[in-house]
Amino acid sequence: MEVTFAQTPLFNWQGHRGCRGLMPENTIPAFLKALDYGVNTLELDVVVSKDKKVVVSHDPYFHADFSIKPDGTPVPKSPKIVLYDLTYDEIKRYDVGSNGNANFPEQQKQKTYKPLLSEMIEAVEAYRVKNKLPIFLYNIEIKSEEKEYDKSQPQPAEFSDLVYQEIMAQLPPERIVLQSFDFNVLKHWKKQIDAGKYKKVALSALVANAKGIEKNVEDLGFIPEIYSPYYLLLSTERVQQLHKMGMQVVPWTVNTTEEMHKVKAMGVDGIITDYPNRIPKS
């Protein structure tokens, strides 16, 4: 029997973009390193290429802070090089690791690229089997903004279908959390699940605003399995309120051991961190 998010027996430690603080974000080396530190869940982001491939990437463009063009020159800040305008073969030629990331000085510099979602799953599952690691979950964020529909991304229905097909080709739905800041995406998944067109996965509402729990749930139109806010929006009382409403609480991005202790003491169900190496031992 596969482990689901609701059945995870341990506190749910999630490696943000793999382990952005230690390795180039959203790359296979980052996910493997996160597993070495014993996370329960790999958190990642996905976008779509011109040829409709699902690519693991936080941004729908090449970030100028750490990306290098195939000819070895820096990626410009403007105009942005949008992934939706490139085929995956073109995307793979960009180096997103050799420069490191100045915001994360501990990040190891190494030449690497943005992988396909299918490639990433295949690599980490092979690593799990080879190293006899426990079953872990995937927390997959669909990077979507309403103002970017048909510009740097497909419409939510097409975007979701592409991601769903990739996931179901390789993983049981019990090991998937699907999250997004774009509530149109979550509404689509809920509708498809209720209609029996998608297998049931856990849905997580990402929240960065200060509208409040009731307003965000009202805007979403249903109670998701997980509420995932910026950690400074939380308090013990808010965590208790969310639990009473039937949601688990997994805040982001908590990056010091001191903050991890503080947030965990509020009663949250998990924590997303860039630094799995800083997870408290107790």
Protein backbone atom coordinates (compact mmCIF):
# COMPACT_ATOMS: atom_id res chain seq x y z
CA MET A 1 0.00 0.00 0.00
CA GLU A 2 1.37 3.40 -0.95
CA VAL A 3 1.70 6.19 1.61
CA THR A 4 -0.57 9.19 1.10
CA PHE A 5 -0.09 12.68 2.46
CA ALA A 6 -2.85 12.14 5.02
CA GLN A 7 -1.21 8.90 6.17
CA THR A 8 2.36 10.21 6.41
CA PRO A 9 3.36 8.96 9.87
CA LEU A 10 6.16 11.45 10.38
CA PHE A 11 6.23 15.22 10.34
CA ASN A 12 6.26 16.16 6.66
CA TRP A 13 9.59 17.78 5.81
CA GLN A 14 9.65 19.04 2.22
CA GLY A 15 12.72 19.95 0.17
CA HIS A 16 11.91 23.23 -1.59
CA ARG A 17 12.86 23.06 -5.29
CA GLY A 18 14.83 20.02 -4.15
CA CYS A 19 17.21 21.84 -1.84
CA ARG A 20 17.73 25.29 -3.29
CA GLY A 21 20.03 26.35 -0.47
CA LEU A 22 22.51 23.60 -1.28
CA MET A 23 22.21 22.70 -4.98
CA PRO A 24 20.94 24.37 -8.20
CA GLU A 25 17.18 24.63 -7.78
CA ASN A 26 14.74 22.26 -9.44
CA THR A 27 17.50 20.09 -10.90
CA ILE A 28 18.03 16.38 -10.52
CA PRO A 29 21.15 16.86 -8.32
CA ALA A 30 19.04 19.01 -5.96
CA PHE A 31 16.34 16.35 -5.60
CA LEU A 32 18.83 13.56 -4.98
CA LYS A 33 20.62 15.65 -2.34
CA ALA A 34 17.28 16.39 -0.62
CA LEU A 35 16.59 12.66 -0.43
CA ASP A 36 20.02 12.15 1.15
CA TYR A 37 18.86 14.43 3.97
CA GLY A 38 15.74 12.34 4.52
CA VAL A 39 12.91 14.62 3.38
CA ASN A 40 9.45 13.03 3.17
CA THR A 41 8.44 15.09 0.14
CA LEU A 42 10.13 16.60 -2.89
CA GLU A 43 8.65 20.01 -3.66
CA LEU A 44 9.02 21.20 -7.27
CA ASP A 45 7.58 23.52 -9.88
CA VAL A 46 6.57 22.86 -13.47
CA VAL A 47 6.17 24.95 -16.61
CA VAL A 48 5.54 24.08 -20.27
CA SER A 49 7.79 24.33 -23.33
CA LYS A 50 6.85 25.37 -26.86
CA ASP A 51 6.53 21.70 -27.87
CA LYS A 52 4.22 21.06 -24.88
CA LYS A 53 6.73 19.22 -22.70
CA VAL A 54 6.37 19.52 -18.91
CA VAL A 55 9.62 21.06 -17.62
CA VAL A 56 10.76 21.30 -14.00
CA SER A 57 11.31 25.03 -13.45
CA HIS A 58 10.14 27.69 -10.99
CA ASP A 59 10.16 30.51 -13.51
CA PRO A 60 8.59 30.40 -16.98
CA TYR A 61 11.78 32.06 -18.21
CA PHE A 62 15.53 31.69 -17.72
CA HIS A 63 16.46 33.62 -14.58
CA ALA A 64 19.30 36.04 -15.29
CA ASP A 65 20.77 35.58 -11.78
CA PHE A 66 21.99 32.07 -12.51
CA SER A 67 21.31 30.99 -16.11
CA ILE A 68 23.88 30.75 -18.92
CA LYS A 69 23.03 30.65 -22.64
CA PRO A 70 24.22 27.71 -24.79
CA ASP A 71 27.00 29.89 -26.23
CA GLY A 72 28.34 30.53 -22.72
CA THR A 73 27.16 34.15 -22.45
CA PRO A 74 24.95 35.43 -19.62
CA VAL A 75 21.18 35.33 -19.95
CA PRO A 76 19.85 38.92 -20.18
CA LYS A 77 17.38 40.31 -17.66
CA SER A 78 15.47 41.88 -20.54
CA PRO A 79 14.00 40.76 -22.79
CA LYS A 80 13.29 37.58 -20.86
CA ILE A 81 13.95 34.26 -22.56
CA VAL A 82 10.61 32.52 -22.09
CA LEU A 83 10.53 28.72 -21.94
CA TYR A 84 7.12 28.58 -23.65
CA ASP A 85 8.84 30.09 -26.71
CA LEU A 86 11.51 27.35 -26.84
CA THR A 87 11.42 23.63 -27.58
CA TYR A 88 12.68 21.37 -24.81
CA ASP A 89 15.75 20.49 -26.89
CA GLU A 90 16.61 24.21 -26.85
CA ILE A 91 15.85 24.57 -23.12
CA LYS A 92 18.10 21.67 -22.15
CA ARG A 93 21.15 23.40 -23.68
CA TYR A 94 21.06 26.20 -21.08
CA ASP A 95 23.25 25.82 -17.97
CA VAL A 96 21.42 26.69 -14.74
CA GLY A 97 24.02 25.59 -12.20
CA SER A 98 27.55 26.73 -12.99
CA ASN A 99 26.98 30.31 -11.83
CA GLY A 100 25.51 29.31 -8.48
CA ASN A 101 23.03 31.67 -6.86
CA ALA A 102 24.30 34.69 -4.93
CA ASN A 103 21.20 34.58 -2.71
CA PHE A 104 22.21 31.09 -1.58
CA PRO A 105 25.97 31.18 -0.95
CA GLU A 106 26.06 27.55 0.24
CA GLN A 107 24.70 26.36 -3.10
CA GLN A 108 27.15 24.08 -4.88
CA LYS A 109 28.09 25.26 -8.36
CA GLN A 110 27.84 22.61 -11.07
CA LYS A 111 26.84 22.46 -14.69
CA THR A 112 23.27 21.21 -14.96
CA TYR A 113 19.98 21.86 -16.77
CA LYS A 114 16.22 22.04 -16.34
CA PRO A 115 14.92 18.45 -16.58
CA LEU A 116 11.65 17.14 -17.93
CA LEU A 117 9.21 16.14 -15.19
CA SER A 118 9.23 12.59 -16.55
CA GLU A 119 13.04 12.47 -16.45
CA MET A 120 13.13 13.85 -12.92
CA ILE A 121 10.66 11.25 -11.64
CA GLU A 122 12.54 8.43 -13.34
CA ALA A 123 15.85 9.57 -11.83
CA VAL A 124 14.65 10.00 -8.25
CA GLU A 125 12.65 6.76 -8.28
CA ALA A 126 15.71 4.86 -9.50
CA TYR A 127 17.73 6.53 -6.72
CA ARG A 128 15.10 5.53 -4.14
CA VAL A 129 15.20 1.89 -5.22
CA LYS A 130 18.99 1.74 -5.48
CA ASN A 131 19.47 3.22 -2.00
CA LYS A 132 16.49 1.43 -0.41
CA LEU A 133 14.94 4.74 0.68
CA PRO A 134 11.42 4.99 2.14
CA ILE A 135 8.53 5.97 -0.11
CA PHE A 136 8.37 9.76 -0.43
CA LEU A 137 5.78 12.11 -1.88
CA TYR A 138 5.87 14.70 -4.65
CA ASN A 139 4.48 18.19 -4.09
CA ILE A 140 4.14 19.55 -7.61
CA GLU A 141 3.37 23.22 -8.15
CA ILE A 142 1.81 24.33 -11.41
CA LYS A 143 3.37 27.76 -11.95
CA SER A 144 0.48 29.74 -13.31
CA GLU A 145 -0.67 33.36 -13.42
CA GLU A 146 -3.89 34.55 -15.01
CA LYS A 147 -2.14 37.43 -16.80
CA GLU A 148 0.28 34.93 -18.39
CA TYR A 149 -2.32 32.61 -19.98
CA ASP A 150 -1.39 32.02 -23.64
CA LYS A 151 1.76 34.14 -23.16
CA SER A 152 4.26 32.18 -21.07
CA GLN A 153 1.96 29.21 -20.40
CA PRO A 154 -1.10 27.35 -21.67
CA GLN A 155 -4.59 27.89 -20.27
CA PRO A 156 -5.18 26.08 -16.93
CA ALA A 157 -7.11 23.15 -18.47
CA GLU A 158 -4.46 22.34 -21.07
CA PHE A 159 -1.63 22.96 -18.58
CA SER A 160 -3.28 20.66 -16.04
CA ASP A 161 -3.96 17.91 -18.57
CA LEU A 162 -0.32 17.89 -19.66
CA VAL A 163 0.89 17.63 -16.05
CA TYR A 164 -1.72 15.03 -15.11
CA GLN A 165 -0.76 12.77 -18.01
CA GLU A 166 2.93 12.94 -17.10
CA ILE A 167 2.29 12.16 -13.43
CA MET A 168 -0.07 9.26 -14.03
CA ALA A 169 2.29 7.64 -16.51
CA GLN A 170 4.81 7.10 -13.72
CA LEU A 171 3.31 7.46 -10.25
CA PRO A 172 0.26 6.38 -8.22
CA PRO A 173 -1.99 9.33 -7.34
CA GLU A 174 -1.55 8.61 -3.62
CA ARG A 175 1.99 9.97 -3.81
CA ILE A 176 1.02 13.30 -5.35
CA VAL A 177 0.16 16.70 -3.93
CA LEU A 178 -0.80 19.26 -6.57
CA GLN A 179 -0.39 22.87 -5.49
CA SER A 180 -0.78 26.29 -7.06
CA PHE A 181 -1.17 29.96 -6.23
CA ASP A 182 -3.56 30.12 -9.19
CA PHE A 183 -6.93 29.05 -7.82
CA ASN A 184 -8.23 28.56 -11.38
CA VAL A 185 -5.80 25.64 -11.64
CA LEU A 186 -6.97 24.11 -8.35
CA LYS A 187 -10.63 24.58 -9.32
CA HIS A 188 -9.97 22.73 -12.57
CA TRP A 189 -8.32 19.80 -10.76
CA LYS A 190 -11.18 19.64 -8.24
CA LYS A 191 -13.76 19.64 -11.06
CA GLN A 192 -11.92 16.90 -12.97
CA ILE A 193 -11.49 14.76 -9.85
CA ASP A 194 -15.17 15.13 -8.91
CA ALA A 195 -16.16 14.18 -12.47
CA GLY A 196 -13.97 11.08 -12.35
CA LYS A 197 -11.76 12.35 -15.18
CA TYR A 198 -8.70 12.71 -12.92
CA LYS A 199 -7.70 10.24 -10.23
CA LYS A 200 -7.78 11.78 -6.78
CA VAL A 201 -4.65 13.60 -5.66
CA ALA A 202 -4.29 15.89 -2.66
CA LEU A 203 -4.81 19.56 -3.56
CA SER A 204 -2.90 22.33 -1.82
CA ALA A 205 -3.75 26.04 -1.86
CA LEU A 206 -0.60 28.17 -1.91
CA VAL A 207 -1.18 31.52 -0.20
CA ALA A 208 1.02 34.61 -0.12
CA ASN A 209 -1.69 37.21 0.54
CA ALA A 210 -3.07 38.59 3.81
CA LYS A 211 -6.76 38.25 2.86
CA GLY A 212 -7.33 35.74 5.63
CA ILE A 213 -8.28 32.08 5.68
CA GLU A 214 -12.04 32.52 5.19
CA LYS A 215 -11.62 34.83 2.18
CA ASN A 216 -9.10 32.55 0.49
CA VAL A 217 -11.27 29.46 0.99
CA GLU A 218 -14.28 31.42 -0.28
CA ASP A 219 -12.32 32.43 -3.39
CA LEU A 220 -11.24 28.84 -3.95
CA GLY A 221 -14.78 27.51 -3.54
CA PHE A 222 -13.90 24.30 -1.70
CA ILE A 223 -11.86 23.01 1.23
CA PRO A 224 -8.52 21.71 -0.08
CA GLU A 225 -6.63 18.94 1.67
CA ILE A 226 -3.75 21.32 2.42
CA TYR A 227 -3.38 25.03 3.08
CA SER A 228 0.17 26.20 2.33
CA PRO A 229 0.82 29.82 3.36
CA TYR A 230 3.95 31.92 3.72
CA TYR A 231 5.06 30.97 7.20
CA LEU A 232 4.91 34.50 8.66
CA LEU A 233 1.14 34.52 8.00
CA LEU A 234 0.67 31.75 10.56
CA SER A 235 -0.01 31.63 14.28
CA THR A 236 -1.00 28.81 16.61
CA GLU A 237 -4.60 30.05 16.49
CA ARG A 238 -4.67 30.08 12.69
CA VAL A 239 -3.23 26.57 12.51
CA GLN A 240 -5.95 25.39 14.91
CA GLN A 241 -8.59 27.14 12.80
CA LEU A 242 -7.34 25.45 9.62
CA HIS A 243 -7.33 22.04 11.32
CA LYS A 244 -10.92 22.57 12.51
CA MET A 245 -11.88 23.38 8.91
CA GLY A 246 -10.37 20.04 7.81
CA MET A 247 -7.11 21.23 6.25
CA GLN A 248 -3.54 20.25 6.94
CA VAL A 249 -1.06 23.11 7.18
CA VAL A 250 2.31 23.16 5.38
CA PRO A 251 3.97 26.60 5.36
CA TRP A 252 6.86 27.84 3.19
CA THR A 253 9.78 28.67 3.13
CA VAL A 254 11.29 28.11 6.59
CA ASN A 255 15.07 28.26 6.40
CA THR A 256 16.65 28.42 9.84
CA THR A 257 16.58 25.73 12.51
CA GLU A 258 15.28 28.29 15.01
CA GLU A 259 12.35 29.20 12.74
CA MET A 260 11.66 25.52 12.08
CA HIS A 261 11.33 24.87 15.83
CA LYS A 262 9.07 27.91 16.23
CA VAL A 263 6.77 27.06 13.31
CA LYS A 264 6.59 23.38 14.19
CA ALA A 265 5.52 24.32 17.72
CA MET A 266 2.42 26.01 16.22
CA GLY A 267 1.14 22.55 15.32
CA VAL A 268 1.69 22.58 11.55
CA ASP A 269 1.74 19.27 9.64
CA GLY A 270 4.85 19.94 7.60
CA ILE A 271 7.42 22.53 6.61
CA ILE A 272 8.89 23.44 3.22
CA THR A 273 12.56 24.43 3.40
CA ASP A 274 15.46 25.31 1.11
CA TYR A 275 17.83 23.72 3.66
CA PRO A 276 16.99 20.09 4.50
CA ASN A 277 20.40 19.92 6.22
CA ARG A 278 19.07 22.32 8.88
CA ILE A 279 16.11 20.14 9.85
CA PRO A 280 16.17 19.65 13.64
CA LYS A 281 17.12 16.19 14.83
CA SER A 282 14.26 16.20 17.33
